[in-house]
């Protein structure tokens, strides 16, 4: 790994509307009132439980994760965001106690908080690219853009265990589960910055955070 940058100023945020969308809950839902009340009771506590960390690092694609278009040796930036495990511990506890609404709500809140860190990650990515006079040609996400082994590659190259205590399973799943990983393909054209997630190209059509504006 050539250079590694920890992402500073990661501020976790929450929006009730985003959490409700993630739970497929609107004013017509029979559980709407219960979920909204529960949200207001626990949102501040869960925000404080978030332990946001983020990191970027330059590298290249090894053969094990090369794609049809991007071959071994392609210059990339590996990026990882995580909010730790404490919110999901609350979710697990709620499910164990039979409080399924709270368990699902905690899980949706964790997803929403992790997603809220994306903007700062992209800001840092742009800063780093500017420093190195590079652009971003493509954003790759496992498993639909690049093999799951990419998460192992990022885990090793970014020293996630040593730096943040993040583990990885034999199936290449990161732990804590509320951890995201992306691979950004670099280009020498500084004017190109195609780093945002494009929901139109994502095959996960059931994602609760899917956002495709109407034309």
N, C-alpha and C. Protein backbone atom coordinates (compact mmCIF):
# COMPACT_ATOMS: atom_id res chain seq x y z
N UNK A 1 0.85 -1.19 0.00
CA UNK A 1 0.00 0.00 0.00
C UNK A 1 0.89 1.24 0.00
N UNK A 2 0.68 2.13 -0.96
CA UNK A 2 1.52 3.31 -1.06
C UNK A 2 1.26 4.28 0.09
N UNK A 3 0.03 4.77 0.20
CA UNK A 3 -0.29 5.73 1.25
C UNK A 3 -1.67 5.43 1.81
N UNK A 4 -1.82 5.66 3.11
CA UNK A 4 -3.08 5.40 3.81
C UNK A 4 -3.52 6.69 4.52
N UNK A 5 -4.80 6.98 4.44
CA UNK A 5 -5.36 8.17 5.06
C UNK A 5 -6.57 7.80 5.91
N UNK A 6 -6.50 8.03 7.20
CA UNK A 6 -7.69 7.86 8.03
C UNK A 6 -8.61 9.06 7.78
N UNK A 7 -9.90 8.81 7.75
CA UNK A 7 -10.87 9.85 7.45
C UNK A 7 -11.29 10.54 8.74
N UNK A 8 -10.99 11.83 8.83
CA UNK A 8 -11.32 12.59 10.03
C UNK A 8 -12.70 13.23 9.89
N UNK A 9 -13.15 13.85 10.98
CA UNK A 9 -14.41 14.61 10.99
C UNK A 9 -15.62 13.80 10.53
N UNK A 10 -15.66 12.54 10.90
CA UNK A 10 -16.83 11.70 10.60
C UNK A 10 -17.90 11.96 11.66
N UNK A 11 -18.98 12.58 11.25
CA UNK A 11 -20.05 12.94 12.19
C UNK A 11 -21.30 12.12 11.86
N UNK A 12 -21.67 11.17 12.71
CA UNK A 12 -22.86 10.36 12.45
C UNK A 12 -24.12 11.20 12.53
N UNK A 13 -25.04 10.98 11.61
CA UNK A 13 -26.29 11.74 11.56
C UNK A 13 -27.47 10.78 11.39
N UNK A 14 -28.64 11.29 11.78
CA UNK A 14 -29.86 10.49 11.67
C UNK A 14 -30.99 11.34 11.13
N UNK A 15 -31.81 10.73 10.27
CA UNK A 15 -33.05 11.36 9.81
C UNK A 15 -34.17 10.35 9.97
N UNK A 16 -35.23 10.78 10.65
CA UNK A 16 -36.38 9.90 10.85
C UNK A 16 -36.92 9.40 9.52
N UNK A 17 -36.99 10.27 8.53
CA UNK A 17 -37.56 9.88 7.23
C UNK A 17 -36.76 8.76 6.60
N UNK A 18 -35.43 8.80 6.73
CA UNK A 18 -34.59 7.75 6.14
C UNK A 18 -34.79 6.42 6.86
N UNK A 19 -34.92 6.49 8.19
CA UNK A 19 -35.12 5.27 8.97
C UNK A 19 -36.48 4.65 8.64
N UNK A 20 -37.52 5.48 8.55
CA UNK A 20 -38.85 4.97 8.21
C UNK A 20 -38.85 4.33 6.82
N UNK A 21 -38.14 4.94 5.88
CA UNK A 21 -38.05 4.38 4.53
C UNK A 21 -37.37 3.02 4.56
N UNK A 22 -36.32 2.92 5.37
CA UNK A 22 -35.59 1.65 5.47
C UNK A 22 -36.47 0.55 6.04
N UNK A 23 -37.45 0.93 6.85
CA UNK A 23 -38.34 -0.05 7.47
C UNK A 23 -39.64 -0.24 6.69
N UNK A 24 -39.74 0.39 5.53
CA UNK A 24 -40.98 0.33 4.74
C UNK A 24 -42.18 0.78 5.56
N UNK A 25 -41.99 1.84 6.32
CA UNK A 25 -43.04 2.32 7.22
C UNK A 25 -43.45 3.73 6.83
N UNK A 26 -44.75 3.94 6.64
CA UNK A 26 -45.26 5.28 6.41
C UNK A 26 -46.48 5.51 7.31
N UNK A 27 -47.13 6.64 7.14
CA UNK A 27 -48.23 6.99 8.03
C UNK A 27 -49.41 6.03 7.93
N UNK A 28 -49.46 5.27 6.86
CA UNK A 28 -50.54 4.30 6.70
C UNK A 28 -50.25 2.98 7.40
N UNK A 29 -49.01 2.78 7.81
CA UNK A 29 -48.64 1.53 8.47
C UNK A 29 -49.23 1.46 9.87
N UNK A 30 -49.67 0.28 10.25
CA UNK A 30 -50.31 0.14 11.56
C UNK A 30 -49.32 0.36 12.71
N UNK A 31 -48.04 0.14 12.45
CA UNK A 31 -47.03 0.30 13.50
C UNK A 31 -46.37 1.67 13.46
N UNK A 32 -46.86 2.57 12.61
CA UNK A 32 -46.21 3.86 12.42
C UNK A 32 -46.02 4.63 13.73
N UNK A 33 -47.09 4.79 14.49
CA UNK A 33 -47.01 5.54 15.74
C UNK A 33 -46.05 4.93 16.73
N UNK A 34 -46.08 3.60 16.85
CA UNK A 34 -45.19 2.91 17.77
C UNK A 34 -43.73 3.09 17.37
N UNK A 35 -43.46 2.98 16.07
CA UNK A 35 -42.08 3.11 15.59
C UNK A 35 -41.57 4.53 15.78
N UNK A 36 -42.39 5.52 15.48
CA UNK A 36 -41.97 6.91 15.63
C UNK A 36 -41.68 7.23 17.09
N UNK A 37 -42.57 6.79 17.97
CA UNK A 37 -42.35 7.03 19.40
C UNK A 37 -41.06 6.36 19.89
N UNK A 38 -40.85 5.11 19.46
CA UNK A 38 -39.65 4.38 19.86
C UNK A 38 -38.40 5.06 19.32
N UNK A 39 -38.50 5.53 18.09
CA UNK A 39 -37.37 6.22 17.47
C UNK A 39 -36.95 7.42 18.31
N UNK A 40 -37.90 8.23 18.69
CA UNK A 40 -37.57 9.44 19.45
C UNK A 40 -37.00 9.08 20.84
N UNK A 41 -37.37 7.92 21.36
CA UNK A 41 -36.87 7.51 22.67
C UNK A 41 -35.40 7.06 22.60
N UNK A 42 -35.02 6.46 21.49
CA UNK A 42 -33.69 5.83 21.46
C UNK A 42 -32.71 6.48 20.50
N UNK A 43 -33.13 7.40 19.63
CA UNK A 43 -32.24 7.91 18.58
C UNK A 43 -31.00 8.59 19.15
N UNK A 44 -31.16 9.43 20.16
CA UNK A 44 -30.00 10.13 20.72
C UNK A 44 -29.02 9.15 21.36
N UNK A 45 -29.56 8.16 22.05
CA UNK A 45 -28.71 7.15 22.69
C UNK A 45 -27.91 6.38 21.65
N UNK A 46 -28.57 5.98 20.57
CA UNK A 46 -27.88 5.18 19.56
C UNK A 46 -26.85 6.01 18.79
N UNK A 47 -27.15 7.28 18.58
CA UNK A 47 -26.15 8.14 17.93
C UNK A 47 -24.87 8.19 18.75
N UNK A 48 -25.02 8.25 20.07
CA UNK A 48 -23.85 8.29 20.95
C UNK A 48 -23.10 6.97 20.98
N UNK A 49 -23.80 5.87 20.65
CA UNK A 49 -23.15 4.57 20.63
C UNK A 49 -22.33 4.33 19.37
N UNK A 50 -22.61 5.13 18.33
CA UNK A 50 -21.86 4.96 17.07
C UNK A 50 -20.40 5.30 17.28
N UNK A 51 -19.54 4.48 16.71
CA UNK A 51 -18.09 4.69 16.79
C UNK A 51 -17.54 4.76 15.36
N UNK A 52 -17.79 5.89 14.69
CA UNK A 52 -17.44 5.98 13.27
C UNK A 52 -15.94 6.02 13.01
N UNK A 53 -15.50 5.21 12.08
CA UNK A 53 -14.13 5.24 11.61
C UNK A 53 -14.14 5.09 10.10
N UNK A 54 -13.12 5.63 9.46
CA UNK A 54 -13.02 5.51 8.02
C UNK A 54 -11.58 5.60 7.58
N UNK A 55 -11.29 4.99 6.44
CA UNK A 55 -9.90 4.94 5.97
C UNK A 55 -9.87 4.76 4.46
N UNK A 56 -8.86 5.37 3.84
CA UNK A 56 -8.62 5.25 2.40
C UNK A 56 -7.18 4.83 2.20
N UNK A 57 -6.93 4.05 1.15
CA UNK A 57 -5.56 3.67 0.87
C UNK A 57 -5.34 3.35 -0.59
N UNK A 58 -4.22 3.82 -1.12
CA UNK A 58 -3.85 3.53 -2.51
C UNK A 58 -3.34 2.11 -2.64
N UNK A 59 -3.59 1.50 -3.79
CA UNK A 59 -3.08 0.16 -4.07
C UNK A 59 -3.35 -0.20 -5.51
N UNK A 60 -3.27 -1.48 -5.80
CA UNK A 60 -3.59 -1.99 -7.13
C UNK A 60 -4.46 -3.24 -6.97
N UNK A 61 -5.12 -3.63 -8.05
CA UNK A 61 -5.91 -4.85 -8.02
C UNK A 61 -5.01 -6.06 -8.17
N UNK A 62 -5.08 -7.02 -7.24
CA UNK A 62 -4.38 -8.29 -7.44
C UNK A 62 -5.18 -9.17 -8.40
N UNK A 63 -4.58 -10.21 -8.90
CA UNK A 63 -5.24 -11.07 -9.87
C UNK A 63 -6.53 -11.68 -9.32
N UNK A 64 -6.57 -11.98 -8.01
CA UNK A 64 -7.71 -12.67 -7.42
C UNK A 64 -8.99 -11.85 -7.49
N UNK A 65 -8.87 -10.53 -7.62
CA UNK A 65 -10.08 -9.71 -7.70
C UNK A 65 -10.16 -8.89 -8.99
N UNK A 66 -9.35 -9.22 -9.97
CA UNK A 66 -9.47 -8.51 -11.23
C UNK A 66 -10.82 -8.81 -11.87
N UNK A 67 -11.31 -7.89 -12.67
CA UNK A 67 -12.58 -8.08 -13.36
C UNK A 67 -12.31 -8.14 -14.85
N UNK A 68 -13.37 -8.37 -15.61
CA UNK A 68 -13.20 -8.44 -17.06
C UNK A 68 -12.65 -7.12 -17.61
N UNK A 69 -13.06 -6.02 -17.00
CA UNK A 69 -12.65 -4.70 -17.49
C UNK A 69 -11.41 -4.18 -16.79
N UNK A 70 -11.30 -4.45 -15.49
CA UNK A 70 -10.19 -3.91 -14.70
C UNK A 70 -9.28 -5.05 -14.26
N UNK A 71 -8.12 -5.12 -14.89
CA UNK A 71 -7.23 -6.26 -14.73
C UNK A 71 -6.24 -6.06 -13.57
N UNK A 72 -5.53 -7.13 -13.29
CA UNK A 72 -4.48 -7.11 -12.28
C UNK A 72 -3.53 -5.93 -12.53
N UNK A 73 -3.22 -5.21 -11.46
CA UNK A 73 -2.33 -4.07 -11.57
C UNK A 73 -3.02 -2.73 -11.75
N UNK A 74 -4.35 -2.75 -11.96
CA UNK A 74 -5.10 -1.50 -12.09
C UNK A 74 -4.96 -0.67 -10.82
N UNK A 75 -4.56 0.59 -10.91
CA UNK A 75 -4.43 1.43 -9.71
C UNK A 75 -5.80 1.79 -9.13
N UNK A 76 -5.92 1.64 -7.83
CA UNK A 76 -7.20 1.86 -7.16
C UNK A 76 -6.98 2.52 -5.79
N UNK A 77 -8.08 2.96 -5.20
CA UNK A 77 -8.13 3.34 -3.79
C UNK A 77 -9.13 2.43 -3.10
N UNK A 78 -8.70 1.81 -2.01
CA UNK A 78 -9.60 1.02 -1.18
C UNK A 78 -10.16 1.93 -0.09
N UNK A 79 -11.45 1.82 0.19
CA UNK A 79 -12.09 2.67 1.19
C UNK A 79 -12.99 1.84 2.10
N UNK A 80 -12.95 2.12 3.39
CA UNK A 80 -13.77 1.41 4.36
C UNK A 80 -14.35 2.40 5.37
N UNK A 81 -15.64 2.21 5.69
CA UNK A 81 -16.33 2.97 6.73
C UNK A 81 -16.94 1.97 7.71
N UNK A 82 -16.99 2.34 8.98
CA UNK A 82 -17.62 1.47 9.98
C UNK A 82 -18.17 2.32 11.12
N UNK A 83 -19.22 1.81 11.78
CA UNK A 83 -19.76 2.51 12.96
C UNK A 83 -19.63 1.65 14.21
N UNK A 84 -18.80 0.60 14.14
CA UNK A 84 -18.63 -0.25 15.31
C UNK A 84 -19.79 -1.21 15.51
N UNK A 85 -19.84 -1.81 16.69
CA UNK A 85 -20.80 -2.89 16.94
C UNK A 85 -21.82 -2.58 18.03
N UNK A 86 -21.70 -1.44 18.68
CA UNK A 86 -22.53 -1.21 19.86
C UNK A 86 -24.01 -1.03 19.54
N UNK A 87 -24.32 -0.43 18.41
CA UNK A 87 -25.74 -0.28 18.05
C UNK A 87 -26.35 -1.64 17.74
N UNK A 88 -25.61 -2.49 17.04
CA UNK A 88 -26.14 -3.81 16.71
C UNK A 88 -26.25 -4.70 17.95
N UNK A 89 -25.46 -4.43 18.96
CA UNK A 89 -25.64 -5.15 20.23
C UNK A 89 -27.01 -4.82 20.83
N UNK A 90 -27.43 -3.56 20.69
CA UNK A 90 -28.77 -3.17 21.16
C UNK A 90 -29.85 -3.88 20.34
N UNK A 91 -29.62 -3.99 19.05
CA UNK A 91 -30.58 -4.68 18.19
C UNK A 91 -30.70 -6.15 18.58
N UNK A 92 -29.56 -6.79 18.76
CA UNK A 92 -29.56 -8.22 19.14
C UNK A 92 -30.26 -8.42 20.48
N UNK A 93 -29.99 -7.56 21.43
CA UNK A 93 -30.61 -7.65 22.75
C UNK A 93 -32.13 -7.51 22.66
N UNK A 94 -32.58 -6.57 21.85
CA UNK A 94 -34.02 -6.36 21.69
C UNK A 94 -34.68 -7.60 21.09
N UNK A 95 -34.07 -8.20 20.08
CA UNK A 95 -34.63 -9.42 19.48
C UNK A 95 -34.67 -10.55 20.50
N UNK A 96 -33.61 -10.67 21.28
CA UNK A 96 -33.56 -11.73 22.30
C UNK A 96 -34.65 -11.56 23.34
N UNK A 97 -35.02 -10.31 23.60
CA UNK A 97 -36.07 -10.04 24.57
C UNK A 97 -37.46 -10.05 23.96
N UNK A 98 -37.54 -10.35 22.68
CA UNK A 98 -38.84 -10.43 22.00
C UNK A 98 -39.38 -9.10 21.53
N UNK A 99 -38.59 -8.04 21.61
CA UNK A 99 -39.03 -6.73 21.15
C UNK A 99 -38.57 -6.55 19.71
N UNK A 100 -39.36 -7.11 18.79
CA UNK A 100 -38.93 -7.16 17.39
C UNK A 100 -38.98 -5.79 16.72
N UNK A 101 -39.91 -4.95 17.12
CA UNK A 101 -39.98 -3.60 16.55
C UNK A 101 -38.70 -2.83 16.89
N UNK A 102 -38.30 -2.87 18.15
CA UNK A 102 -37.08 -2.17 18.56
C UNK A 102 -35.85 -2.77 17.89
N UNK A 103 -35.83 -4.10 17.77
CA UNK A 103 -34.70 -4.76 17.11
C UNK A 103 -34.54 -4.31 15.67
N UNK A 104 -35.66 -4.28 14.93
CA UNK A 104 -35.61 -3.84 13.54
C UNK A 104 -35.29 -2.35 13.44
N UNK A 105 -35.80 -1.58 14.39
CA UNK A 105 -35.54 -0.14 14.38
C UNK A 105 -34.06 0.14 14.62
N UNK A 106 -33.46 -0.55 15.58
CA UNK A 106 -32.03 -0.37 15.84
C UNK A 106 -31.20 -0.71 14.61
N UNK A 107 -31.58 -1.77 13.91
CA UNK A 107 -30.87 -2.19 12.71
C UNK A 107 -30.99 -1.12 11.62
N UNK A 108 -32.19 -0.59 11.43
CA UNK A 108 -32.40 0.45 10.42
C UNK A 108 -31.64 1.73 10.78
N UNK A 109 -31.61 2.05 12.06
CA UNK A 109 -30.87 3.23 12.51
C UNK A 109 -29.37 3.05 12.24
N UNK A 110 -28.86 1.87 12.50
CA UNK A 110 -27.44 1.59 12.24
C UNK A 110 -27.12 1.77 10.76
N UNK A 111 -27.97 1.24 9.89
CA UNK A 111 -27.77 1.41 8.45
C UNK A 111 -27.77 2.89 8.06
N UNK A 112 -28.73 3.63 8.61
CA UNK A 112 -28.86 5.04 8.27
C UNK A 112 -27.65 5.84 8.73
N UNK A 113 -27.13 5.53 9.93
CA UNK A 113 -25.95 6.23 10.43
C UNK A 113 -24.73 5.92 9.55
N UNK A 114 -24.56 4.65 9.20
CA UNK A 114 -23.43 4.29 8.33
C UNK A 114 -23.53 5.01 7.00
N UNK A 115 -24.72 5.05 6.43
CA UNK A 115 -24.93 5.72 5.15
C UNK A 115 -24.64 7.22 5.25
N UNK A 116 -24.88 7.80 6.43
CA UNK A 116 -24.68 9.25 6.61
C UNK A 116 -23.21 9.64 6.54
N UNK A 117 -22.31 8.68 6.69
CA UNK A 117 -20.87 8.98 6.66
C UNK A 117 -20.33 9.09 5.23
N UNK A 118 -21.15 8.70 4.28
CA UNK A 118 -20.72 8.64 2.88
C UNK A 118 -20.23 10.00 2.36
N UNK A 119 -20.94 11.06 2.67
CA UNK A 119 -20.56 12.38 2.14
C UNK A 119 -19.16 12.79 2.59
N UNK A 120 -18.86 12.57 3.86
CA UNK A 120 -17.53 12.93 4.35
C UNK A 120 -16.46 12.05 3.72
N UNK A 121 -16.77 10.78 3.52
CA UNK A 121 -15.81 9.90 2.86
C UNK A 121 -15.50 10.39 1.44
N UNK A 122 -16.53 10.82 0.72
CA UNK A 122 -16.32 11.31 -0.64
C UNK A 122 -15.53 12.62 -0.63
N UNK A 123 -15.77 13.47 0.37
CA UNK A 123 -14.99 14.71 0.50
C UNK A 123 -13.50 14.39 0.67
N UNK A 124 -13.22 13.44 1.57
CA UNK A 124 -11.83 13.06 1.83
C UNK A 124 -11.22 12.42 0.59
N UNK A 125 -11.98 11.61 -0.10
CA UNK A 125 -11.51 10.98 -1.33
C UNK A 125 -11.13 12.03 -2.36
N UNK A 126 -11.96 13.06 -2.47
CA UNK A 126 -11.67 14.13 -3.43
C UNK A 126 -10.39 14.87 -3.03
N UNK A 127 -10.22 15.13 -1.73
CA UNK A 127 -9.01 15.80 -1.24
C UNK A 127 -7.76 14.98 -1.59
N UNK A 128 -7.83 13.69 -1.34
CA UNK A 128 -6.69 12.82 -1.59
C UNK A 128 -6.38 12.75 -3.08
N UNK A 129 -7.43 12.65 -3.90
CA UNK A 129 -7.22 12.61 -5.35
C UNK A 129 -6.59 13.90 -5.86
N UNK A 130 -7.05 15.01 -5.32
CA UNK A 130 -6.49 16.31 -5.72
C UNK A 130 -5.00 16.39 -5.36
N UNK A 131 -4.68 15.87 -4.17
CA UNK A 131 -3.29 15.88 -3.71
C UNK A 131 -2.39 15.07 -4.63
N UNK A 132 -2.92 13.98 -5.16
CA UNK A 132 -2.14 13.08 -6.00
C UNK A 132 -2.38 13.29 -7.49
N UNK A 133 -3.17 14.33 -7.81
CA UNK A 133 -3.48 14.65 -9.21
C UNK A 133 -4.10 13.45 -9.93
N UNK A 134 -5.09 12.86 -9.30
CA UNK A 134 -5.80 11.72 -9.86
C UNK A 134 -7.31 12.00 -9.88
N UNK A 135 -8.02 11.21 -10.68
CA UNK A 135 -9.47 11.24 -10.71
C UNK A 135 -10.01 9.86 -10.41
N UNK A 136 -11.33 9.77 -10.26
CA UNK A 136 -11.99 8.49 -10.01
C UNK A 136 -12.79 8.09 -11.25
N UNK A 137 -12.40 6.99 -11.86
CA UNK A 137 -13.04 6.53 -13.08
C UNK A 137 -14.28 5.69 -12.79
N UNK A 138 -14.24 4.91 -11.70
CA UNK A 138 -15.33 3.97 -11.44
C UNK A 138 -15.35 3.57 -9.97
N UNK A 139 -16.52 3.38 -9.44
CA UNK A 139 -16.70 2.87 -8.08
C UNK A 139 -17.12 1.40 -8.18
N UNK A 140 -16.38 0.54 -7.51
CA UNK A 140 -16.66 -0.89 -7.54
C UNK A 140 -17.10 -1.35 -6.14
N UNK A 141 -18.19 -2.12 -6.09
CA UNK A 141 -18.69 -2.63 -4.82
C UNK A 141 -18.95 -4.13 -4.95
N UNK A 142 -18.51 -4.86 -3.95
CA UNK A 142 -18.73 -6.31 -3.94
C UNK A 142 -20.16 -6.59 -3.48
N UNK A 143 -20.79 -7.64 -3.99
CA UNK A 143 -20.23 -8.62 -4.93
C UNK A 143 -20.59 -8.36 -6.40
N UNK A 144 -21.38 -7.31 -6.70
CA UNK A 144 -21.87 -7.20 -8.07
C UNK A 144 -20.88 -6.55 -9.04
N UNK A 145 -19.91 -5.76 -8.54
CA UNK A 145 -18.93 -5.14 -9.43
C UNK A 145 -17.58 -5.84 -9.38
N UNK A 146 -17.29 -6.48 -8.26
CA UNK A 146 -15.97 -7.03 -8.01
C UNK A 146 -16.13 -8.19 -7.03
N UNK A 147 -15.28 -9.23 -7.09
CA UNK A 147 -15.43 -10.37 -6.18
C UNK A 147 -15.37 -9.97 -4.70
N UNK A 148 -16.02 -10.77 -3.86
CA UNK A 148 -16.04 -10.51 -2.43
C UNK A 148 -14.65 -10.51 -1.81
N UNK A 149 -13.71 -11.18 -2.47
CA UNK A 149 -12.33 -11.19 -1.97
C UNK A 149 -11.74 -9.78 -1.88
N UNK A 150 -12.37 -8.82 -2.56
CA UNK A 150 -11.90 -7.43 -2.48
C UNK A 150 -11.96 -6.93 -1.03
N UNK A 151 -12.91 -7.43 -0.26
CA UNK A 151 -13.02 -6.99 1.13
C UNK A 151 -11.85 -7.54 1.95
N UNK A 152 -11.39 -8.73 1.61
CA UNK A 152 -10.21 -9.29 2.26
C UNK A 152 -8.97 -8.47 1.90
N UNK A 153 -8.90 -8.10 0.63
CA UNK A 153 -7.76 -7.30 0.17
C UNK A 153 -7.72 -5.96 0.92
N UNK A 154 -8.88 -5.30 1.02
CA UNK A 154 -8.95 -4.04 1.74
C UNK A 154 -8.61 -4.24 3.22
N UNK A 155 -9.11 -5.31 3.80
CA UNK A 155 -8.87 -5.61 5.22
C UNK A 155 -7.37 -5.75 5.48
N UNK A 156 -6.68 -6.44 4.60
CA UNK A 156 -5.24 -6.63 4.79
C UNK A 156 -4.46 -5.34 4.51
N UNK A 157 -4.74 -4.71 3.38
CA UNK A 157 -3.97 -3.55 2.96
C UNK A 157 -4.15 -2.35 3.89
N UNK A 158 -5.37 -2.19 4.41
CA UNK A 158 -5.65 -1.04 5.27
C UNK A 158 -5.43 -1.35 6.75
N UNK A 159 -4.98 -2.57 7.04
CA UNK A 159 -4.66 -2.99 8.41
C UNK A 159 -5.85 -2.74 9.35
N UNK A 160 -7.03 -3.21 8.92
CA UNK A 160 -8.25 -2.90 9.66
C UNK A 160 -8.28 -3.53 11.05
N UNK A 161 -7.71 -4.71 11.19
CA UNK A 161 -7.68 -5.36 12.50
C UNK A 161 -6.80 -4.57 13.46
N UNK A 162 -5.64 -4.20 13.02
CA UNK A 162 -4.68 -3.47 13.85
C UNK A 162 -5.18 -2.07 14.19
N UNK A 163 -5.75 -1.39 13.21
CA UNK A 163 -6.15 0.00 13.41
C UNK A 163 -7.47 0.15 14.17
N UNK A 164 -8.45 -0.68 13.81
CA UNK A 164 -9.81 -0.48 14.32
C UNK A 164 -10.43 -1.72 14.98
N UNK A 165 -9.71 -2.84 14.99
CA UNK A 165 -10.28 -4.06 15.54
C UNK A 165 -11.33 -4.70 14.67
N UNK A 166 -11.33 -4.37 13.38
CA UNK A 166 -12.30 -4.95 12.44
C UNK A 166 -11.80 -6.30 11.97
N UNK A 167 -12.66 -7.32 12.10
CA UNK A 167 -12.32 -8.67 11.69
C UNK A 167 -12.94 -8.98 10.34
N UNK A 168 -12.62 -10.17 9.81
CA UNK A 168 -13.22 -10.62 8.56
C UNK A 168 -13.41 -12.13 8.64
N UNK A 169 -14.52 -12.60 8.06
CA UNK A 169 -14.84 -14.02 8.11
C UNK A 169 -14.22 -14.75 6.93
N UNK A 170 -14.31 -16.08 6.98
CA UNK A 170 -13.80 -16.89 5.86
C UNK A 170 -14.62 -16.65 4.59
N UNK A 171 -15.82 -16.10 4.76
CA UNK A 171 -16.65 -15.75 3.61
C UNK A 171 -16.49 -14.30 3.18
N UNK A 172 -15.45 -13.63 3.72
CA UNK A 172 -15.07 -12.26 3.36
C UNK A 172 -16.08 -11.21 3.83
N UNK A 173 -16.81 -11.52 4.91
CA UNK A 173 -17.72 -10.54 5.50
C UNK A 173 -16.99 -9.81 6.62
N UNK A 174 -17.10 -8.50 6.62
CA UNK A 174 -16.44 -7.69 7.64
C UNK A 174 -17.24 -7.68 8.93
N UNK A 175 -16.55 -7.62 10.06
CA UNK A 175 -17.17 -7.62 11.38
C UNK A 175 -16.51 -6.52 12.20
N UNK A 176 -17.27 -5.49 12.62
CA UNK A 176 -18.72 -5.37 12.72
C UNK A 176 -19.42 -5.37 11.36
N UNK A 177 -20.69 -5.84 11.41
CA UNK A 177 -21.43 -5.98 10.16
C UNK A 177 -21.76 -4.63 9.54
N UNK A 178 -21.89 -3.61 10.36
CA UNK A 178 -22.18 -2.28 9.81
C UNK A 178 -20.86 -1.62 9.40
N UNK A 179 -20.24 -2.26 8.42
CA UNK A 179 -18.98 -1.80 7.84
C UNK A 179 -19.12 -1.89 6.33
N UNK A 180 -18.75 -0.85 5.62
CA UNK A 180 -18.85 -0.84 4.16
C UNK A 180 -17.47 -0.78 3.54
N UNK A 181 -17.38 -1.30 2.33
CA UNK A 181 -16.10 -1.34 1.62
C UNK A 181 -16.32 -1.03 0.15
N UNK A 182 -15.52 -0.12 -0.38
CA UNK A 182 -15.57 0.21 -1.80
C UNK A 182 -14.16 0.20 -2.38
N UNK A 183 -14.11 0.01 -3.69
CA UNK A 183 -12.86 0.09 -4.43
C UNK A 183 -13.07 1.13 -5.54
N UNK A 184 -12.21 2.13 -5.58
CA UNK A 184 -12.33 3.20 -6.57
C UNK A 184 -11.20 3.09 -7.59
N UNK A 185 -11.57 2.97 -8.85
CA UNK A 185 -10.59 2.87 -9.94
C UNK A 185 -10.05 4.26 -10.26
N UNK A 186 -8.74 4.40 -10.27
CA UNK A 186 -8.10 5.69 -10.50
C UNK A 186 -7.87 5.97 -11.98
N UNK A 187 -7.84 7.25 -12.30
CA UNK A 187 -7.50 7.70 -13.64
C UNK A 187 -6.58 8.91 -13.53
N UNK A 188 -5.79 9.15 -14.56
CA UNK A 188 -4.91 10.30 -14.57
C UNK A 188 -5.64 11.60 -14.89
N UNK A 189 -6.92 11.50 -15.26
CA UNK A 189 -7.72 12.68 -15.59
C UNK A 189 -8.32 13.25 -14.31
N UNK A 190 -7.77 14.35 -13.82
CA UNK A 190 -8.20 14.95 -12.56
C UNK A 190 -9.63 15.49 -12.61
N UNK A 191 -10.16 15.70 -13.80
CA UNK A 191 -11.50 16.27 -13.91
C UNK A 191 -12.59 15.23 -13.71
N UNK A 192 -12.22 13.96 -13.71
CA UNK A 192 -13.21 12.87 -13.57
C UNK A 192 -13.33 12.47 -12.10
N UNK A 193 -14.58 12.43 -11.61
CA UNK A 193 -14.80 12.00 -10.22
C UNK A 193 -16.13 11.25 -10.15
N UNK A 194 -16.10 10.02 -10.66
CA UNK A 194 -17.30 9.20 -10.68
C UNK A 194 -17.29 8.26 -9.47
N UNK A 195 -17.40 8.87 -8.29
CA UNK A 195 -17.23 8.13 -7.04
C UNK A 195 -18.54 7.84 -6.32
N UNK A 196 -19.61 8.52 -6.71
CA UNK A 196 -20.87 8.33 -6.01
C UNK A 196 -21.48 6.97 -6.35
N UNK A 197 -22.21 6.43 -5.39
CA UNK A 197 -22.96 5.20 -5.65
C UNK A 197 -24.10 5.52 -6.62
N UNK A 198 -24.24 4.73 -7.66
CA UNK A 198 -25.29 4.94 -8.66
C UNK A 198 -26.35 3.87 -8.50
N UNK A 199 -27.48 4.25 -7.90
CA UNK A 199 -28.54 3.28 -7.65
C UNK A 199 -29.11 2.70 -8.95
N UNK A 200 -29.02 3.45 -10.04
CA UNK A 200 -29.54 2.94 -11.32
C UNK A 200 -28.77 1.71 -11.80
N UNK A 201 -27.48 1.65 -11.44
CA UNK A 201 -26.63 0.55 -11.90
C UNK A 201 -26.53 -0.59 -10.88
N UNK A 202 -27.09 -0.36 -9.70
CA UNK A 202 -26.99 -1.37 -8.64
C UNK A 202 -28.06 -2.43 -8.82
N UNK A 203 -27.70 -3.72 -8.81
CA UNK A 203 -28.68 -4.78 -8.99
C UNK A 203 -29.53 -5.05 -7.75
N UNK A 204 -29.19 -4.45 -6.62
CA UNK A 204 -29.95 -4.67 -5.39
C UNK A 204 -31.20 -3.80 -5.42
N UNK A 205 -32.19 -4.24 -6.19
CA UNK A 205 -33.39 -3.42 -6.40
C UNK A 205 -34.27 -3.35 -5.15
N UNK A 206 -34.00 -4.21 -4.18
CA UNK A 206 -34.80 -4.21 -2.95
C UNK A 206 -34.13 -3.42 -1.82
N UNK A 207 -33.02 -2.75 -2.10
CA UNK A 207 -32.34 -1.96 -1.08
C UNK A 207 -33.25 -0.86 -0.57
N UNK A 208 -33.36 -0.72 0.75
CA UNK A 208 -34.25 0.27 1.35
C UNK A 208 -33.73 1.70 1.15
N UNK A 209 -32.45 1.84 0.82
CA UNK A 209 -31.89 3.17 0.61
C UNK A 209 -31.79 3.52 -0.88
N UNK A 210 -32.40 2.70 -1.71
CA UNK A 210 -32.38 2.94 -3.15
C UNK A 210 -33.06 4.28 -3.45
N UNK A 211 -32.37 5.11 -4.23
CA UNK A 211 -32.87 6.45 -4.50
C UNK A 211 -32.63 6.78 -5.97
N UNK A 212 -33.70 6.70 -6.76
CA UNK A 212 -33.62 7.03 -8.17
C UNK A 212 -34.62 8.16 -8.44
N UNK A 213 -34.13 9.38 -8.56
CA UNK A 213 -35.05 10.51 -8.79
C UNK A 213 -35.85 10.34 -10.07
N UNK A 214 -37.09 10.77 -10.02
CA UNK A 214 -37.92 10.72 -11.23
C UNK A 214 -37.47 11.81 -12.20
N UNK A 215 -37.47 11.45 -13.47
CA UNK A 215 -37.06 12.43 -14.51
C UNK A 215 -38.26 13.22 -14.98
